[in-house]
């Protein structure tokens, strides 16, 4: 009987032990700053090149493909109005 209960207790404790919350203090030592610097430089170059490109991206809504199960054309989601109360309910 005790062996069966040990298994139940073990299954209940394992998910709690496996759950981790990370803060900037326990992940700071794992950051490779050379990689971060290269990524920042690459992002800046791509943003600059995109801003200097003479052609613009088409801003018209594209026609969504047909839904395979129904054969109906896809629909864009309707935007919901934002709740702007500043955290006041």
PDB file of N, CA and C in Angstrom:
ATOM      1  N   UNK A   1       0.827  -1.195   0.000  1.00  0.00           N
ATOM      2  CA  UNK A   1       0.000   0.000   0.000  1.00  0.00           C
ATOM      3  C   UNK A   1       0.864   1.250   0.000  1.00  0.00           C
ATOM      4  N   UNK A   2       1.976   1.229   0.739  1.00  0.00           N
ATOM      5  CA  UNK A   2       2.826   2.402   0.790  1.00  0.00           C
ATOM      6  C   UNK A   2       3.451   2.688  -0.572  1.00  0.00           C
ATOM      7  N   UNK A   3       3.811   1.658  -1.334  1.00  0.00           N
ATOM      8  CA  UNK A   3       4.410   1.861  -2.647  1.00  0.00           C
ATOM      9  C   UNK A   3       3.453   2.599  -3.578  1.00  0.00           C
ATOM     10  N   UNK A   4       2.170   2.273  -3.518  1.00  0.00           N
ATOM     11  CA  UNK A   4       1.198   2.958  -4.369  1.00  0.00           C
ATOM     12  C   UNK A   4       1.090   4.428  -4.002  1.00  0.00           C
ATOM     13  N   UNK A   5       1.098   4.729  -2.732  1.00  0.00           N
ATOM     14  CA  UNK A   5       1.011   6.132  -2.303  1.00  0.00           C
ATOM     15  C   UNK A   5       2.280   6.890  -2.642  1.00  0.00           C
ATOM     16  N   UNK A   6       3.436   6.242  -2.580  1.00  0.00           N
ATOM     17  CA  UNK A   6       4.679   6.921  -2.946  1.00  0.00           C
ATOM     18  C   UNK A   6       4.629   7.372  -4.408  1.00  0.00           C
ATOM     19  N   UNK A   7       4.080   6.537  -5.259  1.00  0.00           N
ATOM     20  CA  UNK A   7       3.970   6.907  -6.666  1.00  0.00           C
ATOM     21  C   UNK A   7       3.062   8.107  -6.874  1.00  0.00           C
ATOM     22  N   UNK A   8       1.963   8.171  -6.126  1.00  0.00           N
ATOM     23  CA  UNK A   8       1.036   9.299  -6.245  1.00  0.00           C
ATOM     24  C   UNK A   8       1.706  10.571  -5.757  1.00  0.00           C
ATOM     25  N   UNK A   9       2.379  10.496  -4.610  1.00  0.00           N
ATOM     26  CA  UNK A   9       3.051  11.670  -4.068  1.00  0.00           C
ATOM     27  C   UNK A   9       4.160  12.122  -5.005  1.00  0.00           C
ATOM     28  N   UNK A  10       4.902  11.193  -5.561  1.00  0.00           N
ATOM     29  CA  UNK A  10       5.992  11.530  -6.472  1.00  0.00           C
ATOM     30  C   UNK A  10       5.452  12.244  -7.707  1.00  0.00           C
ATOM     31  N   UNK A  11       4.333  11.783  -8.267  1.00  0.00           N
ATOM     32  CA  UNK A  11       3.755  12.414  -9.451  1.00  0.00           C
ATOM     33  C   UNK A  11       3.246  13.813  -9.130  1.00  0.00           C
ATOM     34  N   UNK A  12       2.825  14.058  -7.901  1.00  0.00           N
ATOM     35  CA  UNK A  12       2.331  15.375  -7.536  1.00  0.00           C
ATOM     36  C   UNK A  12       3.477  16.355  -7.298  1.00  0.00           C
ATOM     37  N   UNK A  13       4.608  15.885  -6.822  1.00  0.00           N
ATOM     38  CA  UNK A  13       5.734  16.766  -6.496  1.00  0.00           C
ATOM     39  C   UNK A  13       6.554  17.089  -7.744  1.00  0.00           C
ATOM     40  N   UNK A  14       6.705  16.159  -8.671  1.00  0.00           N
ATOM     41  CA  UNK A  14       7.557  16.380  -9.849  1.00  0.00           C
ATOM     42  C   UNK A  14       7.186  17.623 -10.658  1.00  0.00           C
ATOM     43  N   UNK A  15       5.897  17.875 -10.966  1.00  0.00           N
ATOM     44  CA  UNK A  15       5.600  19.091 -11.726  1.00  0.00           C
ATOM     45  C   UNK A  15       5.967  20.364 -10.968  1.00  0.00           C
ATOM     46  N   UNK A  16       5.867  20.334  -9.643  1.00  0.00           N
ATOM     47  CA  UNK A  16       6.209  21.518  -8.856  1.00  0.00           C
ATOM     48  C   UNK A  16       7.709  21.762  -8.911  1.00  0.00           C
ATOM     49  N   UNK A  17       8.501  20.709  -8.821  1.00  0.00           N
ATOM     50  CA  UNK A  17       9.953  20.851  -8.861  1.00  0.00           C
ATOM     51  C   UNK A  17      10.404  21.272 -10.251  1.00  0.00           C
ATOM     52  N   UNK A  18       9.757  20.777 -11.305  1.00  0.00           N
ATOM     53  CA  UNK A  18      10.150  21.083 -12.663  1.00  0.00           C
ATOM     54  C   UNK A  18       9.757  22.480 -13.115  1.00  0.00           C
ATOM     55  N   UNK A  19       8.953  23.190 -12.348  1.00  0.00           N
ATOM     56  CA  UNK A  19       8.489  24.527 -12.722  1.00  0.00           C
ATOM     57  C   UNK A  19       9.524  25.561 -12.292  1.00  0.00           C
ATOM     58  N   UNK A  20       9.980  26.385 -13.241  1.00  0.00           N
ATOM     59  CA  UNK A  20      11.020  27.369 -12.928  1.00  0.00           C
ATOM     60  C   UNK A  20      10.534  28.763 -13.268  1.00  0.00           C
ATOM     61  N   UNK A  21      10.831  29.695 -12.414  1.00  0.00           N
ATOM     62  CA  UNK A  21      10.631  31.106 -12.713  1.00  0.00           C
ATOM     63  C   UNK A  21      12.011  31.715 -12.860  1.00  0.00           C
ATOM     64  N   UNK A  22      12.242  32.390 -13.974  1.00  0.00           N
ATOM     65  CA  UNK A  22      13.551  32.983 -14.207  1.00  0.00           C
ATOM     66  C   UNK A  22      13.474  34.485 -14.025  1.00  0.00           C
ATOM     67  N   UNK A  23      14.505  35.021 -13.435  1.00  0.00           N
ATOM     68  CA  UNK A  23      14.643  36.468 -13.318  1.00  0.00           C
ATOM     69  C   UNK A  23      15.899  36.865 -14.066  1.00  0.00           C
ATOM     70  N   UNK A  24      16.159  38.162 -14.129  1.00  0.00           N
ATOM     71  CA  UNK A  24      17.363  38.610 -14.816  1.00  0.00           C
ATOM     72  C   UNK A  24      18.626  38.202 -14.055  1.00  0.00           C
ATOM     73  N   UNK A  25      18.519  37.856 -12.796  1.00  0.00           N
ATOM     74  CA  UNK A  25      19.706  37.474 -12.027  1.00  0.00           C
ATOM     75  C   UNK A  25      20.170  36.053 -12.319  1.00  0.00           C
ATOM     76  N   UNK A  26      19.260  35.139 -12.624  1.00  0.00           N
ATOM     77  CA  UNK A  26      19.698  33.766 -12.851  1.00  0.00           C
ATOM     78  C   UNK A  26      19.930  33.450 -14.322  1.00  0.00           C
ATOM     79  N   UNK A  27      19.660  34.378 -15.227  1.00  0.00           N
ATOM     80  CA  UNK A  27      19.951  34.140 -16.635  1.00  0.00           C
ATOM     81  C   UNK A  27      21.015  35.080 -17.179  1.00  0.00           C
ATOM     82  N   UNK A  28      21.415  36.058 -16.415  1.00  0.00           N
ATOM     83  CA  UNK A  28      22.387  37.042 -16.881  1.00  0.00           C
ATOM     84  C   UNK A  28      23.716  36.391 -17.251  1.00  0.00           C
ATOM     85  N   UNK A  29      24.128  35.385 -16.499  1.00  0.00           N
ATOM     86  CA  UNK A  29      25.412  34.735 -16.765  1.00  0.00           C
ATOM     87  C   UNK A  29      25.370  33.853 -18.019  1.00  0.00           C
ATOM     88  N   UNK A  30      24.177  33.593 -18.556  1.00  0.00           N
ATOM     89  CA  UNK A  30      24.063  32.743 -19.747  1.00  0.00           C
ATOM     90  C   UNK A  30      23.989  33.546 -21.041  1.00  0.00           C
ATOM     91  N   UNK A  31      23.987  34.872 -20.964  1.00  0.00           N
ATOM     92  CA  UNK A  31      23.906  35.715 -22.151  1.00  0.00           C
ATOM     93  C   UNK A  31      25.278  35.784 -22.814  1.00  0.00           C
ATOM     94  N   UNK A  32      25.307  35.564 -24.113  1.00  0.00           N
ATOM     95  CA  UNK A  32      26.536  35.686 -24.884  1.00  0.00           C
ATOM     96  C   UNK A  32      26.484  37.067 -25.546  1.00  0.00           C
ATOM     97  N   UNK A  33      27.243  38.007 -25.002  1.00  0.00           N
ATOM     98  CA  UNK A  33      27.132  39.388 -25.436  1.00  0.00           C
ATOM     99  C   UNK A  33      27.640  39.606 -26.854  1.00  0.00           C
ATOM    100  N   UNK A  34      28.558  38.779 -27.328  1.00  0.00           N
ATOM    101  CA  UNK A  34      28.998  38.897 -28.720  1.00  0.00           C
ATOM    102  C   UNK A  34      27.851  38.582 -29.676  1.00  0.00           C
ATOM    103  N   UNK A  35      27.046  37.567 -29.333  1.00  0.00           N
ATOM    104  CA  UNK A  35      25.891  37.224 -30.162  1.00  0.00           C
ATOM    105  C   UNK A  35      24.845  38.331 -30.119  1.00  0.00           C
ATOM    106  N   UNK A  36      24.621  38.899 -28.944  1.00  0.00           N
ATOM    107  CA  UNK A  36      23.652  39.988 -28.814  1.00  0.00           C
ATOM    108  C   UNK A  36      24.091  41.176 -29.662  1.00  0.00           C
ATOM    109  N   UNK A  37      25.376  41.513 -29.611  1.00  0.00           N
ATOM    110  CA  UNK A  37      25.889  42.639 -30.384  1.00  0.00           C
ATOM    111  C   UNK A  37      25.734  42.386 -31.887  1.00  0.00           C
ATOM    112  N   UNK A  38      26.031  41.167 -32.334  1.00  0.00           N
ATOM    113  CA  UNK A  38      25.874  40.840 -33.752  1.00  0.00           C
ATOM    114  C   UNK A  38      24.407  40.918 -34.176  1.00  0.00           C
ATOM    115  N   UNK A  39      23.496  40.459 -33.318  1.00  0.00           N
ATOM    116  CA  UNK A  39      22.075  40.519 -33.640  1.00  0.00           C
ATOM    117  C   UNK A  39      21.579  41.962 -33.711  1.00  0.00           C
ATOM    118  N   UNK A  40      22.069  42.807 -32.825  1.00  0.00           N
ATOM    119  CA  UNK A  40      21.670  44.218 -32.832  1.00  0.00           C
ATOM    120  C   UNK A  40      22.168  44.893 -34.102  1.00  0.00           C
ATOM    121  N   UNK A  41      23.406  44.616 -34.468  1.00  0.00           N
ATOM    122  CA  UNK A  41      23.973  45.215 -35.681  1.00  0.00           C
ATOM    123  C   UNK A  41      23.191  44.747 -36.913  1.00  0.00           C
ATOM    124  N   UNK A  42      22.892  43.462 -36.989  1.00  0.00           N
ATOM    125  CA  UNK A  42      22.145  42.930 -38.124  1.00  0.00           C
ATOM    126  C   UNK A  42      20.749  43.547 -38.196  1.00  0.00           C
ATOM    127  N   UNK A  43      20.077  43.671 -37.068  1.00  0.00           N
ATOM    128  CA  UNK A  43      18.741  44.274 -37.034  1.00  0.00           C
ATOM    129  C   UNK A  43      18.794  45.726 -37.479  1.00  0.00           C
ATOM    130  N   UNK A  44      19.806  46.468 -37.039  1.00  0.00           N
ATOM    131  CA  UNK A  44      19.947  47.872 -37.440  1.00  0.00           C
ATOM    132  C   UNK A  44      20.198  47.988 -38.941  1.00  0.00           C
ATOM    133  N   UNK A  45      21.022  47.111 -39.482  1.00  0.00           N
ATOM    134  CA  UNK A  45      21.293  47.147 -40.923  1.00  0.00           C
ATOM    135  C   UNK A  45      20.022  46.861 -41.714  1.00  0.00           C
ATOM    136  N   UNK A  46      19.265  45.837 -41.300  1.00  0.00           N
ATOM    137  CA  UNK A  46      18.035  45.496 -42.011  1.00  0.00           C
ATOM    138  C   UNK A  46      17.004  46.614 -41.912  1.00  0.00           C
ATOM    139  N   UNK A  47      16.891  47.250 -40.752  1.00  0.00           N
ATOM    140  CA  UNK A  47      15.951  48.364 -40.597  1.00  0.00           C
ATOM    141  C   UNK A  47      16.360  49.541 -41.473  1.00  0.00           C
ATOM    142  N   UNK A  48      17.651  49.830 -41.536  1.00  0.00           N
ATOM    143  CA  UNK A  48      18.136  50.921 -42.374  1.00  0.00           C
ATOM    144  C   UNK A  48      17.886  50.627 -43.849  1.00  0.00           C
ATOM    145  N   UNK A  49      18.199  49.405 -44.284  1.00  0.00           N
ATOM    146  CA  UNK A  49      17.992  49.034 -45.681  1.00  0.00           C
ATOM    147  C   UNK A  49      16.498  49.107 -46.050  1.00  0.00           C
ATOM    148  N   UNK A  50      15.637  48.683 -45.139  1.00  0.00           N
ATOM    149  CA  UNK A  50      14.200  48.745 -45.403  1.00  0.00           C
ATOM    150  C   UNK A  50      13.726  50.193 -45.491  1.00  0.00           C
ATOM    151  N   UNK A  51      14.296  51.076 -44.676  1.00  0.00           N
ATOM    152  CA  UNK A  51      13.874  52.481 -44.711  1.00  0.00           C
ATOM    153  C   UNK A  51      14.364  53.186 -45.969  1.00  0.00           C
ATOM    154  N   UNK A  52      15.451  52.722 -46.545  1.00  0.00           N
ATOM    155  CA  UNK A  52      16.015  53.348 -47.744  1.00  0.00           C
ATOM    156  C   UNK A  52      15.522  52.730 -49.043  1.00  0.00           C
ATOM    157  N   UNK A  53      14.722  51.682 -48.961  1.00  0.00           N
ATOM    158  CA  UNK A  53      14.230  51.012 -50.160  1.00  0.00           C
ATOM    159  C   UNK A  53      13.226  51.909 -50.870  1.00  0.00           C
ATOM    160  N   UNK A  54      13.409  52.170 -52.178  1.00  0.00           N
ATOM    161  CA  UNK A  54      12.493  53.079 -52.871  1.00  0.00           C
ATOM    162  C   UNK A  54      11.095  52.494 -53.091  1.00  0.00           C
ATOM    163  N   UNK A  55      10.965  51.192 -53.145  1.00  0.00           N
ATOM    164  CA  UNK A  55       9.637  50.600 -53.352  1.00  0.00           C
ATOM    165  C   UNK A  55       8.985  50.324 -51.997  1.00  0.00           C
ATOM    166  N   UNK A  56       7.674  50.517 -51.970  1.00  0.00           N
ATOM    167  CA  UNK A  56       6.940  50.315 -50.734  1.00  0.00           C
ATOM    168  C   UNK A  56       6.219  48.978 -50.758  1.00  0.00           C
ATOM    169  N   UNK A  57       5.963  48.472 -49.590  1.00  0.00           N
ATOM    170  CA  UNK A  57       5.201  47.240 -49.439  1.00  0.00           C
ATOM    171  C   UNK A  57       3.733  47.543 -49.720  1.00  0.00           C
ATOM    172  N   UNK A  58       3.048  46.665 -50.428  1.00  0.00           N
ATOM    173  CA  UNK A  58       1.643  46.861 -50.725  1.00  0.00           C
ATOM    174  C   UNK A  58       0.834  46.812 -49.439  1.00  0.00           C
ATOM    175  N   UNK A  59       0.053  47.843 -49.178  1.00  0.00           N
ATOM    176  CA  UNK A  59      -0.688  47.927 -47.926  1.00  0.00           C
ATOM    177  C   UNK A  59      -2.159  47.533 -48.070  1.00  0.00           C
ATOM    178  N   UNK A  60      -2.550  47.053 -49.242  1.00  0.00           N
ATOM    179  CA  UNK A  60      -3.920  46.591 -49.426  1.00  0.00           C
ATOM    180  C   UNK A  60      -4.075  45.199 -48.807  1.00  0.00           C
ATOM    181  N   UNK A  61      -5.271  44.939 -48.280  1.00  0.00           N
ATOM    182  CA  UNK A  61      -5.522  43.623 -47.696  1.00  0.00           C
ATOM    183  C   UNK A  61      -5.467  42.567 -48.786  1.00  0.00           C
ATOM    184  N   UNK A  62      -4.791  41.494 -48.506  1.00  0.00           N
ATOM    185  CA  UNK A  62      -4.730  40.407 -49.471  1.00  0.00           C
ATOM    186  C   UNK A  62      -5.976  39.534 -49.350  1.00  0.00           C
ATOM    187  N   UNK A  63      -6.279  38.842 -50.402  1.00  0.00           N
ATOM    188  CA  UNK A  63      -7.410  37.916 -50.392  1.00  0.00           C
ATOM    189  C   UNK A  63      -6.934  36.625 -49.755  1.00  0.00           C
ATOM    190  N   UNK A  64      -7.620  36.228 -48.707  1.00  0.00           N
ATOM    191  CA  UNK A  64      -7.232  35.006 -47.993  1.00  0.00           C
ATOM    192  C   UNK A  64      -7.628  33.778 -48.800  1.00  0.00           C
ATOM    193  N   UNK A  65      -6.868  32.698 -48.690  1.00  0.00           N
ATOM    194  CA  UNK A  65      -7.194  31.482 -49.453  1.00  0.00           C
ATOM    195  C   UNK A  65      -8.477  30.826 -48.954  1.00  0.00           C
ATOM    196  N   UNK A  66      -8.985  29.914 -49.746  1.00  0.00           N
ATOM    197  CA  UNK A  66     -10.195  29.185 -49.374  1.00  0.00           C
ATOM    198  C   UNK A  66      -9.921  28.273 -48.191  1.00  0.00           C
ATOM    199  N   UNK A  67     -10.924  28.128 -47.348  1.00  0.00           N
ATOM    200  CA  UNK A  67     -10.828  27.200 -46.220  1.00  0.00           C
ATOM    201  C   UNK A  67     -11.080  25.797 -46.780  1.00  0.00           C
ATOM    202  N   UNK A  68     -10.143  24.852 -46.599  1.00  0.00           N
ATOM    203  CA  UNK A  68     -10.268  23.545 -47.253  1.00  0.00           C
ATOM    204  C   UNK A  68     -11.518  22.764 -46.857  1.00  0.00           C
ATOM    205  N   UNK A  69     -11.967  22.877 -45.624  1.00  0.00           N
ATOM    206  CA  UNK A  69     -13.085  22.056 -45.167  1.00  0.00           C
ATOM    207  C   UNK A  69     -14.425  22.582 -45.654  1.00  0.00           C
ATOM    208  N   UNK A  70     -14.553  23.904 -45.792  1.00  0.00           N
ATOM    209  CA  UNK A  70     -15.845  24.482 -46.165  1.00  0.00           C
ATOM    210  C   UNK A  70     -15.880  24.989 -47.601  1.00  0.00           C
ATOM    211  N   UNK A  71     -14.715  25.308 -48.175  1.00  0.00           N
ATOM    212  CA  UNK A  71     -14.676  25.865 -49.517  1.00  0.00           C
ATOM    213  C   UNK A  71     -14.998  27.355 -49.552  1.00  0.00           C
ATOM    214  N   UNK A  72     -15.241  27.946 -48.379  1.00  0.00           N
ATOM    215  CA  UNK A  72     -15.543  29.378 -48.281  1.00  0.00           C
ATOM    216  C   UNK A  72     -14.250  30.175 -48.262  1.00  0.00           C
ATOM    217  N   UNK A  73     -14.283  31.410 -48.753  1.00  0.00           N
ATOM    218  CA  UNK A  73     -13.076  32.242 -48.669  1.00  0.00           C
ATOM    219  C   UNK A  73     -12.781  32.596 -47.213  1.00  0.00           C
ATOM    220  N   UNK A  74     -11.504  32.702 -46.896  1.00  0.00           N
ATOM    221  CA  UNK A  74     -11.112  33.068 -45.545  1.00  0.00           C
ATOM    222  C   UNK A  74     -11.520  34.492 -45.223  1.00  0.00           C
ATOM    223  N   UNK A  75     -11.725  34.768 -43.937  1.00  0.00           N
ATOM    224  CA  UNK A  75     -12.134  36.106 -43.498  1.00  0.00           C
ATOM    225  C   UNK A  75     -11.089  36.657 -42.552  1.00  0.00           C
ATOM    226  N   UNK A  76     -10.832  37.929 -42.706  1.00  0.00           N
ATOM    227  CA  UNK A  76      -9.939  38.596 -41.767  1.00  0.00           C
ATOM    228  C   UNK A  76     -10.660  38.741 -40.432  1.00  0.00           C
ATOM    229  N   UNK A  77      -9.942  38.615 -39.310  1.00  0.00           N
ATOM    230  CA  UNK A  77     -10.599  38.801 -38.006  1.00  0.00           C
ATOM    231  C   UNK A  77     -11.006  40.266 -37.831  1.00  0.00           C
ATOM    232  N   UNK A  78     -12.130  40.467 -37.187  1.00  0.00           N
ATOM    233  CA  UNK A  78     -12.579  41.833 -36.926  1.00  0.00           C
ATOM    234  C   UNK A  78     -11.865  42.352 -35.689  1.00  0.00           C
ATOM    235  N   UNK A  79     -11.359  43.573 -35.743  1.00  0.00           N
ATOM    236  CA  UNK A  79     -10.650  44.111 -34.574  1.00  0.00           C
ATOM    237  C   UNK A  79     -11.638  44.437 -33.455  1.00  0.00           C
ATOM    238  N   UNK A  80     -11.225  44.138 -32.238  1.00  0.00           N
ATOM    239  CA  UNK A  80     -12.030  44.470 -31.069  1.00  0.00           C
ATOM    240  C   UNK A  80     -11.631  45.858 -30.583  1.00  0.00           C
ATOM    241  N   UNK A  81     -12.594  46.633 -30.119  1.00  0.00           N
ATOM    242  CA  UNK A  81     -12.237  47.950 -29.578  1.00  0.00           C
ATOM    243  C   UNK A  81     -11.432  47.779 -28.286  1.00  0.00           C
ATOM    244  N   UNK A  82     -10.380  48.578 -28.103  1.00  0.00           N
ATOM    245  CA  UNK A  82      -9.572  48.428 -26.912  1.00  0.00           C
ATOM    246  C   UNK A  82     -10.276  48.958 -25.669  1.00  0.00           C
ATOM    247  N   UNK A  83      -9.921  48.392 -24.542  1.00  0.00           N
ATOM    248  CA  UNK A  83     -10.417  48.890 -23.254  1.00  0.00           C
ATOM    249  C   UNK A  83      -9.359  49.839 -22.719  1.00  0.00           C
ATOM    250  N   UNK A  84      -9.692  51.102 -22.634  1.00  0.00           N
ATOM    251  CA  UNK A  84      -8.707  52.101 -22.209  1.00  0.00           C
ATOM    252  C   UNK A  84      -9.217  52.815 -20.961  1.00  0.00           C
ATOM    253  N   UNK A  85      -9.079  52.138 -19.847  1.00  0.00           N
ATOM    254  CA  UNK A  85      -9.518  52.711 -18.588  1.00  0.00           C
ATOM    255  C   UNK A  85      -8.351  52.977 -17.654  1.00  0.00           C
ATOM    256  N   UNK A  86      -7.162  52.695 -18.112  1.00  0.00           N
ATOM    257  CA  UNK A  86      -5.993  52.946 -17.267  1.00  0.00           C
ATOM    258  C   UNK A  86      -5.916  52.043 -16.053  1.00  0.00           C
ATOM    259  N   UNK A  87      -6.391  50.811 -16.166  1.00  0.00           N
ATOM    260  CA  UNK A  87      -6.340  49.879 -15.050  1.00  0.00           C
ATOM    261  C   UNK A  87      -7.485  50.032 -14.078  1.00  0.00           C
ATOM    262  N   UNK A  88      -8.413  50.940 -14.353  1.00  0.00           N
ATOM    263  CA  UNK A  88      -9.575  51.143 -13.475  1.00  0.00           C
ATOM    264  C   UNK A  88     -10.715  50.310 -14.033  1.00  0.00           C
ATOM    265  N   UNK A  89     -11.350  49.520 -13.178  1.00  0.00           N
ATOM    266  CA  UNK A  89     -12.457  48.667 -13.651  1.00  0.00           C
ATOM    267  C   UNK A  89     -13.750  49.427 -13.678  1.00  0.00           C
TER     268      UNK A  89
END
